[in-house]
N, C-alpha and C. Protein backbone atom coordinates (compact mmCIF):
# COMPACT_ATOMS: atom_id res chain seq x y z
N MET A 1 46.76 -189.21 88.01
CA MET A 1 45.50 -188.57 87.60
C MET A 1 45.39 -188.60 86.08
N ILE A 2 44.24 -188.96 85.60
CA ILE A 2 43.99 -188.99 84.15
C ILE A 2 43.56 -187.60 83.69
N ALA A 3 44.26 -187.05 82.71
CA ALA A 3 43.94 -185.71 82.21
C ALA A 3 43.32 -185.75 80.81
N ARG A 4 43.53 -186.85 80.09
CA ARG A 4 43.00 -186.95 78.73
C ARG A 4 42.88 -188.42 78.34
N LEU A 5 41.85 -188.72 77.58
CA LEU A 5 41.68 -190.06 77.03
C LEU A 5 41.52 -189.96 75.52
N ARG A 6 42.26 -190.80 74.81
CA ARG A 6 42.13 -190.86 73.36
C ARG A 6 41.93 -192.32 72.97
N GLY A 7 40.82 -192.58 72.31
CA GLY A 7 40.54 -193.96 71.94
C GLY A 7 39.35 -194.03 71.01
N LEU A 8 38.59 -195.12 71.10
CA LEU A 8 37.40 -195.31 70.27
C LEU A 8 36.16 -195.23 71.15
N LEU A 9 35.12 -194.60 70.63
CA LEU A 9 33.87 -194.55 71.37
C LEU A 9 33.22 -195.93 71.33
N ASP A 10 33.07 -196.53 72.50
CA ASP A 10 32.43 -197.85 72.59
C ASP A 10 30.91 -197.71 72.63
N SER A 11 30.44 -196.81 73.50
CA SER A 11 29.00 -196.59 73.63
C SER A 11 28.76 -195.28 74.36
N ALA A 12 27.52 -194.81 74.30
CA ALA A 12 27.16 -193.56 74.99
C ALA A 12 25.75 -193.69 75.55
N GLY A 13 25.56 -193.20 76.78
CA GLY A 13 24.25 -193.21 77.41
C GLY A 13 23.75 -191.79 77.59
N THR A 14 22.78 -191.62 78.48
CA THR A 14 22.21 -190.28 78.69
C THR A 14 23.13 -189.37 79.49
N ASP A 15 24.04 -189.96 80.28
CA ASP A 15 24.92 -189.14 81.11
C ASP A 15 26.37 -189.60 81.09
N HIS A 16 26.70 -190.54 80.22
CA HIS A 16 28.06 -191.06 80.21
C HIS A 16 28.41 -191.65 78.84
N ALA A 17 29.69 -191.91 78.69
CA ALA A 17 30.19 -192.61 77.51
C ALA A 17 31.26 -193.60 77.96
N VAL A 18 31.46 -194.63 77.17
CA VAL A 18 32.54 -195.59 77.43
C VAL A 18 33.56 -195.45 76.31
N ILE A 19 34.79 -195.13 76.70
CA ILE A 19 35.88 -194.94 75.74
C ILE A 19 36.82 -196.14 75.80
N ASP A 20 37.01 -196.78 74.67
CA ASP A 20 37.90 -197.94 74.58
C ASP A 20 39.31 -197.45 74.26
N VAL A 21 40.21 -197.62 75.22
CA VAL A 21 41.61 -197.24 75.03
C VAL A 21 42.46 -198.50 75.11
N ASN A 22 42.88 -198.99 73.96
CA ASN A 22 43.70 -200.20 73.89
C ASN A 22 43.05 -201.37 74.61
N GLY A 23 41.75 -201.52 74.42
CA GLY A 23 41.06 -202.66 75.00
C GLY A 23 40.50 -202.45 76.39
N VAL A 24 40.79 -201.32 76.99
CA VAL A 24 40.27 -201.01 78.32
C VAL A 24 39.15 -199.99 78.19
N GLY A 25 37.98 -200.29 78.74
CA GLY A 25 36.85 -199.37 78.64
C GLY A 25 36.78 -198.44 79.83
N TYR A 26 36.84 -197.15 79.57
CA TYR A 26 36.76 -196.14 80.63
C TYR A 26 35.36 -195.53 80.63
N LEU A 27 34.69 -195.58 81.79
CA LEU A 27 33.38 -194.95 81.94
C LEU A 27 33.59 -193.47 82.26
N VAL A 28 33.08 -192.62 81.38
CA VAL A 28 33.29 -191.17 81.52
C VAL A 28 31.93 -190.48 81.58
N PHE A 29 31.70 -189.73 82.65
CA PHE A 29 30.46 -188.95 82.76
C PHE A 29 30.64 -187.64 81.99
N ALA A 30 29.57 -187.17 81.37
CA ALA A 30 29.67 -185.96 80.56
C ALA A 30 28.32 -185.26 80.48
N ALA A 31 28.37 -183.99 80.09
CA ALA A 31 27.14 -183.21 79.91
C ALA A 31 26.42 -183.68 78.65
N GLY A 32 25.11 -183.46 78.63
CA GLY A 32 24.33 -183.87 77.47
C GLY A 32 24.81 -183.25 76.18
N ARG A 33 25.18 -181.97 76.24
CA ARG A 33 25.67 -181.29 75.03
C ARG A 33 26.96 -181.93 74.53
N THR A 34 27.79 -182.38 75.45
CA THR A 34 29.04 -183.05 75.07
C THR A 34 28.74 -184.39 74.41
N LEU A 35 27.85 -185.15 75.03
CA LEU A 35 27.50 -186.47 74.49
C LEU A 35 26.87 -186.36 73.11
N ASP A 36 26.10 -185.31 72.90
CA ASP A 36 25.45 -185.12 71.59
C ASP A 36 26.46 -184.86 70.48
N ARG A 37 27.64 -184.38 70.85
CA ARG A 37 28.65 -184.03 69.85
C ARG A 37 29.68 -185.14 69.63
N LEU A 38 29.51 -186.26 70.30
CA LEU A 38 30.46 -187.36 70.14
C LEU A 38 30.25 -188.04 68.79
N PRO A 39 31.31 -188.68 68.27
CA PRO A 39 31.17 -189.39 66.99
C PRO A 39 30.37 -190.68 67.17
N LYS A 40 30.24 -191.43 66.10
CA LYS A 40 29.52 -192.70 66.17
C LYS A 40 30.37 -193.75 66.89
N PRO A 41 29.74 -194.75 67.50
CA PRO A 41 30.51 -195.83 68.13
C PRO A 41 31.49 -196.45 67.14
N GLY A 42 32.68 -196.70 67.64
CA GLY A 42 33.72 -197.27 66.80
C GLY A 42 34.66 -196.24 66.21
N GLU A 43 34.27 -194.96 66.28
CA GLU A 43 35.11 -193.90 65.73
C GLU A 43 36.00 -193.30 66.82
N ALA A 44 37.08 -192.66 66.39
CA ALA A 44 38.06 -192.10 67.32
C ALA A 44 37.49 -190.88 68.04
N VAL A 45 37.87 -190.74 69.29
CA VAL A 45 37.43 -189.60 70.09
C VAL A 45 38.50 -189.26 71.12
N THR A 46 38.62 -187.97 71.41
CA THR A 46 39.53 -187.50 72.45
C THR A 46 38.75 -186.65 73.44
N LEU A 47 38.87 -186.97 74.71
CA LEU A 47 38.19 -186.20 75.75
C LEU A 47 39.19 -185.70 76.78
N LEU A 48 39.05 -184.44 77.16
CA LEU A 48 39.79 -183.93 78.30
C LEU A 48 39.08 -184.45 79.55
N ILE A 49 39.86 -184.83 80.55
CA ILE A 49 39.30 -185.49 81.72
C ILE A 49 39.57 -184.72 83.00
N ASP A 50 38.54 -184.64 83.84
CA ASP A 50 38.70 -184.14 85.20
C ASP A 50 38.45 -185.35 86.11
N THR A 51 39.47 -185.76 86.84
CA THR A 51 39.40 -186.97 87.66
C THR A 51 39.03 -186.63 89.10
N HIS A 52 38.00 -187.28 89.60
CA HIS A 52 37.57 -187.08 90.98
C HIS A 52 37.78 -188.38 91.75
N VAL A 53 38.52 -188.29 92.84
CA VAL A 53 38.82 -189.47 93.66
C VAL A 53 38.11 -189.35 95.00
N GLY A 54 37.24 -190.31 95.30
CA GLY A 54 36.55 -190.35 96.58
C GLY A 54 37.05 -191.50 97.42
N GLU A 55 36.44 -191.68 98.59
CA GLU A 55 36.87 -192.76 99.48
C GLU A 55 36.64 -194.13 98.86
N ASP A 56 35.56 -194.25 98.10
CA ASP A 56 35.23 -195.56 97.54
C ASP A 56 35.02 -195.55 96.03
N HIS A 57 35.51 -194.50 95.37
CA HIS A 57 35.30 -194.45 93.92
C HIS A 57 36.30 -193.52 93.24
N ILE A 58 36.47 -193.75 91.96
CA ILE A 58 37.19 -192.83 91.08
C ILE A 58 36.25 -192.54 89.91
N ARG A 59 35.94 -191.27 89.70
CA ARG A 59 35.03 -190.90 88.62
C ARG A 59 35.72 -189.98 87.63
N LEU A 60 35.46 -190.25 86.37
CA LEU A 60 36.04 -189.45 85.30
C LEU A 60 34.94 -188.61 84.65
N TYR A 61 35.23 -187.33 84.46
CA TYR A 61 34.30 -186.42 83.80
C TYR A 61 34.96 -185.91 82.53
N GLY A 62 34.27 -186.04 81.41
CA GLY A 62 34.90 -185.75 80.12
C GLY A 62 34.34 -184.53 79.42
N PHE A 63 35.23 -183.88 78.65
CA PHE A 63 34.88 -182.65 77.94
C PHE A 63 35.60 -182.62 76.59
N LEU A 64 34.94 -182.04 75.61
CA LEU A 64 35.53 -181.97 74.28
C LEU A 64 36.52 -180.83 74.14
N ASP A 65 36.43 -179.83 75.03
CA ASP A 65 37.38 -178.72 74.96
C ASP A 65 37.65 -178.16 76.35
N ALA A 66 38.71 -177.36 76.44
CA ALA A 66 39.14 -176.83 77.73
C ALA A 66 38.14 -175.85 78.32
N THR A 67 37.39 -175.16 77.47
CA THR A 67 36.41 -174.20 77.97
C THR A 67 35.34 -174.90 78.79
N GLU A 68 34.81 -175.99 78.28
CA GLU A 68 33.81 -176.77 79.02
C GLU A 68 34.38 -177.26 80.34
N ARG A 69 35.59 -177.79 80.30
CA ARG A 69 36.21 -178.32 81.51
C ARG A 69 36.43 -177.23 82.54
N ASP A 70 36.90 -176.06 82.09
CA ASP A 70 37.17 -174.97 83.02
C ASP A 70 35.89 -174.45 83.67
N TRP A 71 34.81 -174.39 82.89
CA TRP A 71 33.53 -173.96 83.48
C TRP A 71 33.01 -175.00 84.46
N PHE A 72 33.21 -176.26 84.19
CA PHE A 72 32.85 -177.33 85.12
C PHE A 72 33.55 -177.11 86.46
N ARG A 73 34.83 -176.83 86.39
CA ARG A 73 35.60 -176.60 87.62
C ARG A 73 35.16 -175.34 88.34
N LEU A 74 34.90 -174.28 87.58
CA LEU A 74 34.44 -173.02 88.18
C LEU A 74 33.10 -173.19 88.88
N LEU A 75 32.18 -173.85 88.22
CA LEU A 75 30.86 -174.05 88.81
C LEU A 75 30.94 -174.82 90.11
N MET A 76 31.87 -175.75 90.19
CA MET A 76 31.98 -176.57 91.39
C MET A 76 32.63 -175.83 92.56
N THR A 77 33.13 -174.62 92.33
CA THR A 77 33.65 -173.82 93.44
C THR A 77 32.51 -173.16 94.21
N VAL A 78 31.31 -173.19 93.65
CA VAL A 78 30.15 -172.59 94.31
C VAL A 78 29.54 -173.58 95.29
N GLN A 79 29.27 -173.12 96.50
CA GLN A 79 28.66 -173.98 97.51
C GLN A 79 27.32 -174.52 97.01
N GLY A 80 27.16 -175.82 97.10
CA GLY A 80 25.91 -176.44 96.66
C GLY A 80 25.95 -176.97 95.25
N VAL A 81 27.05 -176.73 94.55
CA VAL A 81 27.19 -177.23 93.17
C VAL A 81 28.19 -178.37 93.16
N GLY A 82 27.70 -179.57 92.95
CA GLY A 82 28.56 -180.73 92.80
C GLY A 82 28.72 -181.07 91.33
N ALA A 83 29.36 -182.19 91.08
CA ALA A 83 29.61 -182.59 89.70
C ALA A 83 28.31 -182.80 88.92
N ARG A 84 27.31 -183.41 89.57
CA ARG A 84 26.05 -183.68 88.87
C ARG A 84 25.37 -182.39 88.44
N VAL A 85 25.32 -181.41 89.34
CA VAL A 85 24.67 -180.14 89.01
C VAL A 85 25.48 -179.37 87.97
N ALA A 86 26.80 -179.40 88.10
CA ALA A 86 27.65 -178.70 87.13
C ALA A 86 27.42 -179.26 85.72
N LEU A 87 27.32 -180.58 85.61
CA LEU A 87 27.05 -181.19 84.31
C LEU A 87 25.65 -180.85 83.82
N ALA A 88 24.70 -180.76 84.74
CA ALA A 88 23.34 -180.40 84.35
C ALA A 88 23.30 -178.99 83.76
N ILE A 89 24.07 -178.09 84.36
CA ILE A 89 24.14 -176.72 83.85
C ILE A 89 24.77 -176.70 82.46
N LEU A 90 25.85 -177.46 82.30
CA LEU A 90 26.52 -177.52 81.00
C LEU A 90 25.70 -178.28 79.96
N SER A 91 24.72 -179.06 80.42
CA SER A 91 23.81 -179.73 79.50
C SER A 91 22.74 -178.76 79.00
N ALA A 92 22.34 -177.84 79.89
CA ALA A 92 21.26 -176.90 79.55
C ALA A 92 21.76 -175.66 78.83
N LEU A 93 22.99 -175.25 79.13
CA LEU A 93 23.52 -173.99 78.59
C LEU A 93 24.92 -174.19 78.05
N THR A 94 25.27 -173.44 77.03
CA THR A 94 26.65 -173.43 76.54
C THR A 94 27.50 -172.59 77.50
N PRO A 95 28.82 -172.75 77.47
CA PRO A 95 29.66 -171.89 78.30
C PRO A 95 29.41 -170.40 78.07
N ASP A 96 29.20 -170.00 76.82
CA ASP A 96 28.92 -168.59 76.53
C ASP A 96 27.61 -168.15 77.17
N GLN A 97 26.61 -169.00 77.16
CA GLN A 97 25.33 -168.64 77.77
C GLN A 97 25.45 -168.52 79.28
N ILE A 98 26.26 -169.38 79.89
CA ILE A 98 26.49 -169.27 81.33
C ILE A 98 27.19 -167.95 81.64
N ALA A 99 28.18 -167.61 80.83
CA ALA A 99 28.90 -166.35 81.02
C ALA A 99 27.98 -165.16 80.86
N GLN A 100 27.09 -165.23 79.88
CA GLN A 100 26.15 -164.13 79.65
C GLN A 100 25.19 -163.98 80.82
N ALA A 101 24.72 -165.10 81.37
CA ALA A 101 23.81 -165.06 82.51
C ALA A 101 24.47 -164.36 83.69
N ILE A 102 25.74 -164.64 83.90
CA ILE A 102 26.47 -164.02 85.00
C ILE A 102 26.72 -162.54 84.70
N ALA A 103 27.05 -162.23 83.45
CA ALA A 103 27.37 -160.85 83.07
C ALA A 103 26.19 -159.92 83.26
N VAL A 104 24.99 -160.40 82.97
CA VAL A 104 23.80 -159.54 83.06
C VAL A 104 22.99 -159.81 84.32
N ASN A 105 23.60 -160.57 85.24
CA ASN A 105 22.95 -160.85 86.53
C ASN A 105 21.56 -161.46 86.33
N ASP A 106 21.51 -162.51 85.52
CA ASP A 106 20.23 -163.14 85.18
C ASP A 106 20.22 -164.61 85.62
N PRO A 107 19.98 -164.87 86.91
CA PRO A 107 19.97 -166.26 87.39
C PRO A 107 18.87 -167.11 86.78
N LYS A 108 17.83 -166.48 86.22
CA LYS A 108 16.74 -167.25 85.63
C LYS A 108 17.23 -168.15 84.50
N MET A 109 18.28 -167.73 83.81
CA MET A 109 18.82 -168.56 82.73
C MET A 109 19.35 -169.88 83.29
N LEU A 110 19.93 -169.83 84.49
CA LEU A 110 20.53 -171.02 85.08
C LEU A 110 19.49 -172.00 85.61
N VAL A 111 18.30 -171.49 85.91
CA VAL A 111 17.23 -172.35 86.44
C VAL A 111 16.76 -173.36 85.39
N ARG A 112 17.15 -173.16 84.15
CA ARG A 112 16.81 -174.14 83.10
C ARG A 112 17.41 -175.51 83.40
N ALA A 113 18.51 -175.52 84.15
CA ALA A 113 19.22 -176.78 84.42
C ALA A 113 18.52 -177.58 85.52
N ASP A 114 18.49 -178.89 85.35
CA ASP A 114 17.92 -179.77 86.37
C ASP A 114 18.69 -179.63 87.68
N GLY A 115 17.97 -179.51 88.77
CA GLY A 115 18.61 -179.43 90.08
C GLY A 115 19.04 -178.04 90.49
N VAL A 116 18.75 -177.04 89.66
CA VAL A 116 19.12 -175.66 89.98
C VAL A 116 17.85 -174.85 90.24
N GLY A 117 17.65 -174.47 91.50
CA GLY A 117 16.52 -173.63 91.86
C GLY A 117 16.92 -172.17 91.88
N PRO A 118 15.97 -171.27 92.15
CA PRO A 118 16.26 -169.83 92.16
C PRO A 118 17.37 -169.43 93.12
N LYS A 119 17.38 -170.01 94.33
CA LYS A 119 18.40 -169.64 95.32
C LYS A 119 19.79 -170.05 94.87
N LEU A 120 19.92 -171.28 94.38
CA LEU A 120 21.23 -171.75 93.93
C LEU A 120 21.68 -170.96 92.71
N ALA A 121 20.76 -170.67 91.80
CA ALA A 121 21.11 -169.89 90.61
C ALA A 121 21.64 -168.52 91.00
N ALA A 122 20.98 -167.88 91.96
CA ALA A 122 21.43 -166.56 92.42
C ALA A 122 22.80 -166.65 93.07
N ARG A 123 23.05 -167.73 93.81
CA ARG A 123 24.35 -167.90 94.46
C ARG A 123 25.44 -168.09 93.41
N ILE A 124 25.15 -168.84 92.36
CA ILE A 124 26.13 -169.05 91.30
C ILE A 124 26.51 -167.72 90.66
N VAL A 125 25.51 -166.92 90.34
CA VAL A 125 25.78 -165.61 89.72
C VAL A 125 26.59 -164.72 90.65
N ASN A 126 26.21 -164.66 91.92
CA ASN A 126 26.89 -163.79 92.87
C ASN A 126 28.33 -164.22 93.13
N GLU A 127 28.54 -165.53 93.27
CA GLU A 127 29.88 -166.02 93.61
C GLU A 127 30.84 -166.03 92.43
N LEU A 128 30.30 -166.10 91.22
CA LEU A 128 31.18 -166.21 90.05
C LEU A 128 31.35 -164.91 89.27
N LYS A 129 30.57 -163.87 89.61
CA LYS A 129 30.63 -162.66 88.79
C LYS A 129 32.00 -162.01 88.79
N ASP A 130 32.72 -162.04 89.92
CA ASP A 130 34.06 -161.46 89.95
C ASP A 130 35.09 -162.38 89.32
N LYS A 131 34.92 -163.69 89.53
CA LYS A 131 35.88 -164.66 88.99
C LYS A 131 35.82 -164.76 87.47
N THR A 132 34.66 -164.43 86.91
CA THR A 132 34.46 -164.66 85.47
C THR A 132 34.16 -163.38 84.70
N ALA A 133 34.49 -162.23 85.27
CA ALA A 133 34.16 -160.97 84.59
C ALA A 133 34.74 -160.93 83.18
N HIS A 134 36.00 -161.37 83.02
CA HIS A 134 36.63 -161.32 81.70
C HIS A 134 35.99 -162.33 80.75
N LEU A 135 35.59 -163.49 81.27
CA LEU A 135 34.94 -164.49 80.43
C LEU A 135 33.56 -164.03 80.00
N SER A 136 32.84 -163.37 80.92
CA SER A 136 31.49 -162.90 80.61
C SER A 136 31.52 -161.85 79.52
N LEU A 137 32.44 -160.91 79.62
CA LEU A 137 32.53 -159.86 78.61
C LEU A 137 32.93 -160.45 77.27
N ALA A 138 33.83 -161.43 77.30
CA ALA A 138 34.25 -162.07 76.05
C ALA A 138 33.06 -162.77 75.39
N ALA A 139 32.20 -163.37 76.19
CA ALA A 139 31.02 -164.04 75.64
C ALA A 139 30.09 -163.04 74.98
N LEU A 140 29.90 -161.90 75.63
CA LEU A 140 29.01 -160.89 75.08
C LEU A 140 29.56 -160.31 73.79
N THR A 141 30.84 -159.94 73.80
CA THR A 141 31.42 -159.34 72.61
C THR A 141 31.57 -160.38 71.50
N GLY A 142 31.82 -161.62 71.88
CA GLY A 142 31.93 -162.67 70.87
C GLY A 142 30.61 -162.89 70.16
N GLY A 143 29.52 -162.86 70.91
CA GLY A 143 28.21 -163.02 70.31
C GLY A 143 27.89 -161.87 69.38
N ALA A 144 28.30 -160.67 69.76
CA ALA A 144 28.06 -159.51 68.91
C ALA A 144 28.83 -159.62 67.61
N LYS A 145 30.07 -160.07 67.68
CA LYS A 145 30.87 -160.20 66.47
C LYS A 145 30.29 -161.26 65.54
N ALA A 146 29.74 -162.33 66.14
CA ALA A 146 29.11 -163.36 65.32
C ALA A 146 27.90 -162.80 64.58
N GLU A 147 27.12 -161.98 65.28
CA GLU A 147 25.96 -161.36 64.63
C GLU A 147 26.40 -160.42 63.52
N ALA A 148 27.50 -159.71 63.77
CA ALA A 148 28.01 -158.80 62.75
C ALA A 148 28.41 -159.58 61.50
N GLY A 149 28.99 -160.77 61.72
CA GLY A 149 29.38 -161.60 60.60
C GLY A 149 28.18 -162.07 59.80
N LYS A 150 27.09 -162.40 60.50
CA LYS A 150 25.87 -162.81 59.81
C LYS A 150 25.32 -161.66 58.98
N ALA A 151 25.37 -160.46 59.54
CA ALA A 151 24.86 -159.29 58.82
C ALA A 151 25.66 -159.06 57.55
N ALA A 152 26.96 -159.29 57.64
CA ALA A 152 27.81 -159.09 56.47
C ALA A 152 27.48 -160.10 55.37
N ASN A 153 26.91 -161.25 55.76
CA ASN A 153 26.57 -162.29 54.79
C ASN A 153 25.11 -162.23 54.36
N GLY A 154 24.46 -161.11 54.67
CA GLY A 154 23.10 -160.94 54.18
C GLY A 154 22.02 -160.98 55.23
N ALA A 155 22.37 -161.21 56.51
CA ALA A 155 21.36 -161.22 57.57
C ALA A 155 20.94 -159.80 57.87
N PRO A 156 19.80 -159.60 58.55
CA PRO A 156 19.33 -158.25 58.86
C PRO A 156 20.35 -157.44 59.64
N ALA A 157 20.44 -156.16 59.33
CA ALA A 157 21.36 -155.27 60.03
C ALA A 157 20.78 -154.90 61.37
N PRO A 158 21.60 -154.36 62.32
CA PRO A 158 21.11 -153.95 63.62
C PRO A 158 20.01 -152.91 63.50
N ALA A 159 19.21 -152.79 64.58
CA ALA A 159 18.09 -151.86 64.59
C ALA A 159 18.55 -150.46 64.27
N GLY A 160 17.73 -149.79 63.44
CA GLY A 160 18.02 -148.40 63.13
C GLY A 160 19.18 -148.21 62.18
N GLY A 161 19.72 -149.31 61.64
CA GLY A 161 20.83 -149.18 60.72
C GLY A 161 22.13 -148.78 61.39
N VAL A 162 22.22 -148.95 62.71
CA VAL A 162 23.43 -148.59 63.44
C VAL A 162 24.55 -149.54 63.06
N GLU A 163 25.74 -149.01 62.87
CA GLU A 163 26.87 -149.84 62.48
C GLU A 163 27.99 -149.69 63.50
N GLY A 164 29.07 -150.42 63.27
CA GLY A 164 30.23 -150.32 64.14
C GLY A 164 29.98 -150.90 65.51
N ALA A 165 30.69 -150.36 66.52
CA ALA A 165 30.59 -150.87 67.88
C ALA A 165 29.17 -150.78 68.42
N ALA A 166 28.47 -149.69 68.10
CA ALA A 166 27.10 -149.52 68.59
C ALA A 166 26.19 -150.61 68.03
N GLY A 167 26.33 -150.89 66.74
CA GLY A 167 25.53 -151.94 66.13
C GLY A 167 25.83 -153.31 66.72
N ASP A 168 27.12 -153.56 66.99
CA ASP A 168 27.50 -154.83 67.61
C ASP A 168 26.92 -154.94 69.02
N ALA A 169 26.90 -153.81 69.74
CA ALA A 169 26.34 -153.81 71.09
C ALA A 169 24.85 -154.12 71.07
N VAL A 170 24.13 -153.54 70.10
CA VAL A 170 22.70 -153.83 69.96
C VAL A 170 22.51 -155.32 69.70
N SER A 171 23.30 -155.89 68.82
CA SER A 171 23.20 -157.32 68.51
C SER A 171 23.46 -158.18 69.73
N ALA A 172 24.45 -157.78 70.54
CA ALA A 172 24.77 -158.54 71.75
C ALA A 172 23.59 -158.55 72.72
N LEU A 173 22.94 -157.40 72.88
CA LEU A 173 21.80 -157.31 73.79
C LEU A 173 20.61 -158.11 73.26
N VAL A 174 20.43 -158.09 71.96
CA VAL A 174 19.34 -158.87 71.36
C VAL A 174 19.59 -160.36 71.60
N ASN A 175 20.85 -160.78 71.52
CA ASN A 175 21.19 -162.18 71.78
C ASN A 175 20.85 -162.58 73.21
N LEU A 176 20.86 -161.61 74.11
CA LEU A 176 20.54 -161.88 75.51
C LEU A 176 19.04 -161.89 75.78
N GLY A 177 18.26 -161.59 74.76
CA GLY A 177 16.81 -161.65 74.91
C GLY A 177 16.10 -160.32 74.95
N TYR A 178 16.84 -159.22 74.85
CA TYR A 178 16.20 -157.91 74.84
C TYR A 178 15.64 -157.63 73.45
N GLY A 179 14.56 -156.85 73.39
CA GLY A 179 14.01 -156.45 72.11
C GLY A 179 14.93 -155.48 71.41
N ARG A 180 14.88 -155.45 70.08
CA ARG A 180 15.78 -154.56 69.34
C ARG A 180 15.54 -153.10 69.67
N THR A 181 14.28 -152.75 69.87
CA THR A 181 13.98 -151.34 70.15
C THR A 181 14.58 -150.89 71.47
N GLU A 182 14.37 -151.69 72.54
CA GLU A 182 14.92 -151.30 73.84
C GLU A 182 16.44 -151.41 73.85
N ALA A 183 16.98 -152.38 73.13
CA ALA A 183 18.44 -152.51 73.04
C ALA A 183 19.03 -151.30 72.34
N PHE A 184 18.39 -150.89 71.25
CA PHE A 184 18.85 -149.72 70.50
C PHE A 184 18.83 -148.48 71.39
N ALA A 185 17.73 -148.28 72.13
CA ALA A 185 17.60 -147.09 72.98
C ALA A 185 18.68 -147.08 74.07
N ALA A 186 18.93 -148.25 74.66
CA ALA A 186 19.93 -148.33 75.73
C ALA A 186 21.33 -148.05 75.20
N VAL A 187 21.63 -148.58 74.02
CA VAL A 187 22.96 -148.35 73.43
C VAL A 187 23.14 -146.89 73.05
N MET A 188 22.08 -146.25 72.56
CA MET A 188 22.18 -144.83 72.21
C MET A 188 22.45 -143.98 73.45
N LYS A 189 21.78 -144.31 74.57
CA LYS A 189 22.02 -143.58 75.81
C LYS A 189 23.45 -143.79 76.29
N ALA A 190 23.90 -145.04 76.21
CA ALA A 190 25.26 -145.35 76.63
C ALA A 190 26.28 -144.63 75.75
N SER A 191 26.00 -144.56 74.46
CA SER A 191 26.90 -143.87 73.53
C SER A 191 27.01 -142.39 73.87
N ARG A 192 25.89 -141.78 74.21
CA ARG A 192 25.92 -140.36 74.57
C ARG A 192 26.70 -140.14 75.86
N THR A 193 26.56 -141.07 76.79
CA THR A 193 27.27 -140.95 78.07
C THR A 193 28.77 -141.13 77.90
N LEU A 194 29.14 -142.13 77.11
CA LEU A 194 30.56 -142.46 76.94
C LEU A 194 31.26 -141.57 75.92
N GLY A 195 30.49 -141.01 75.02
CA GLY A 195 31.08 -140.15 74.00
C GLY A 195 31.33 -140.89 72.70
N GLU A 196 31.53 -140.12 71.65
CA GLU A 196 31.75 -140.70 70.32
C GLU A 196 33.00 -141.57 70.31
N GLY A 197 32.92 -142.67 69.62
CA GLY A 197 34.08 -143.56 69.50
C GLY A 197 34.20 -144.57 70.62
N ALA A 198 33.17 -144.69 71.46
CA ALA A 198 33.21 -145.66 72.56
C ALA A 198 33.35 -147.08 72.00
N GLU A 199 34.16 -147.90 72.65
CA GLU A 199 34.40 -149.25 72.17
C GLU A 199 33.33 -150.21 72.68
N LEU A 200 33.23 -151.34 71.99
CA LEU A 200 32.22 -152.35 72.31
C LEU A 200 32.32 -152.80 73.76
N GLN A 201 33.56 -153.02 74.25
CA GLN A 201 33.75 -153.51 75.61
C GLN A 201 33.21 -152.55 76.65
N ALA A 202 33.14 -151.26 76.31
CA ALA A 202 32.58 -150.27 77.24
C ALA A 202 31.09 -150.07 77.02
N LEU A 203 30.65 -150.18 75.77
CA LEU A 203 29.25 -149.94 75.44
C LEU A 203 28.31 -150.97 76.06
N ILE A 204 28.69 -152.23 76.01
CA ILE A 204 27.78 -153.28 76.49
C ILE A 204 27.46 -153.13 77.98
N PRO A 205 28.48 -153.03 78.86
CA PRO A 205 28.15 -152.86 80.28
C PRO A 205 27.35 -151.59 80.55
N ALA A 206 27.67 -150.50 79.84
CA ALA A 206 26.95 -149.24 80.05
C ALA A 206 25.50 -149.37 79.61
N ALA A 207 25.27 -150.05 78.49
CA ALA A 207 23.90 -150.25 78.01
C ALA A 207 23.11 -151.15 78.96
N LEU A 208 23.77 -152.15 79.52
CA LEU A 208 23.10 -153.04 80.48
C LEU A 208 22.67 -152.27 81.72
N LYS A 209 23.48 -151.31 82.14
CA LYS A 209 23.12 -150.47 83.29
C LYS A 209 21.89 -149.64 82.96
N GLU A 210 21.82 -149.14 81.74
CA GLU A 210 20.65 -148.36 81.32
C GLU A 210 19.39 -149.23 81.35
N LEU A 211 19.52 -150.47 80.91
CA LEU A 211 18.38 -151.37 80.89
C LEU A 211 17.93 -151.76 82.29
N ALA A 212 18.88 -151.79 83.21
CA ALA A 212 18.56 -152.17 84.59
C ALA A 212 18.04 -151.00 85.41
N ALA A 213 18.20 -149.78 84.89
CA ALA A 213 17.80 -148.58 85.64
C ALA A 213 16.28 -148.49 85.78
C-alpha cells in the first residue's frame, strides 16, 4: 500500500494531479483545495496517500497534511459518502469548517459541496458528532484564538469590549456566522450560568445551547 509520494509535480487537473517519482507518473485524485495549494509543475511536492484497491482498479487519493487525510477517512465511514463525495466536501470546506458544522449541528454548511443534499448532510452530522466531538471543539476554540490574535494586532475587539475567554467565545460564534450582538448575549447568559472564570471550552457549547433555545 502506498502511504506517501514524494516527487515532482508533472501536471494538475480539476480533480487530480500527476506526480513524477523517479520517472514514474502516479495519478493522484485530490480535493480542489489541495490542488490549489500545489506548487508549479516541475517543483517538488509530497503528498500523503490513501490507497483504494478495487476489483479492477487501484486509486490513489492525495493530501497535503494528515488532517485532510483523516477527515477524508472519517467522512467515508458515513453511509452514502464515497471517495468522490468526501473529496467534494473537502473541496468546499476546510477541515475546521467541517468540524464547526458538526459541532453546531449545521448540515446546511455541508450542502455547499457537490453531491451533498440535505438528507446526506444531516446524516453526516448525526453520524460523526460523537466521533469528532474533540475535533469540533478544537476547531471552534482554534478559530477563537485566531481572532484574538488578530485583535491583538489591531483588528476590532469583541463585541462590548469583552475580553478573555468570553471575548474569545464571542469571536468563535461570529466565525460561525452569528451576529456579534446575539453572540455577545448568548455568551453573557452562558457566563452567568457557568459562573465567573468559566473556560472557553465550556463557554462555547453553553452559548450554542442558548442560541438554539
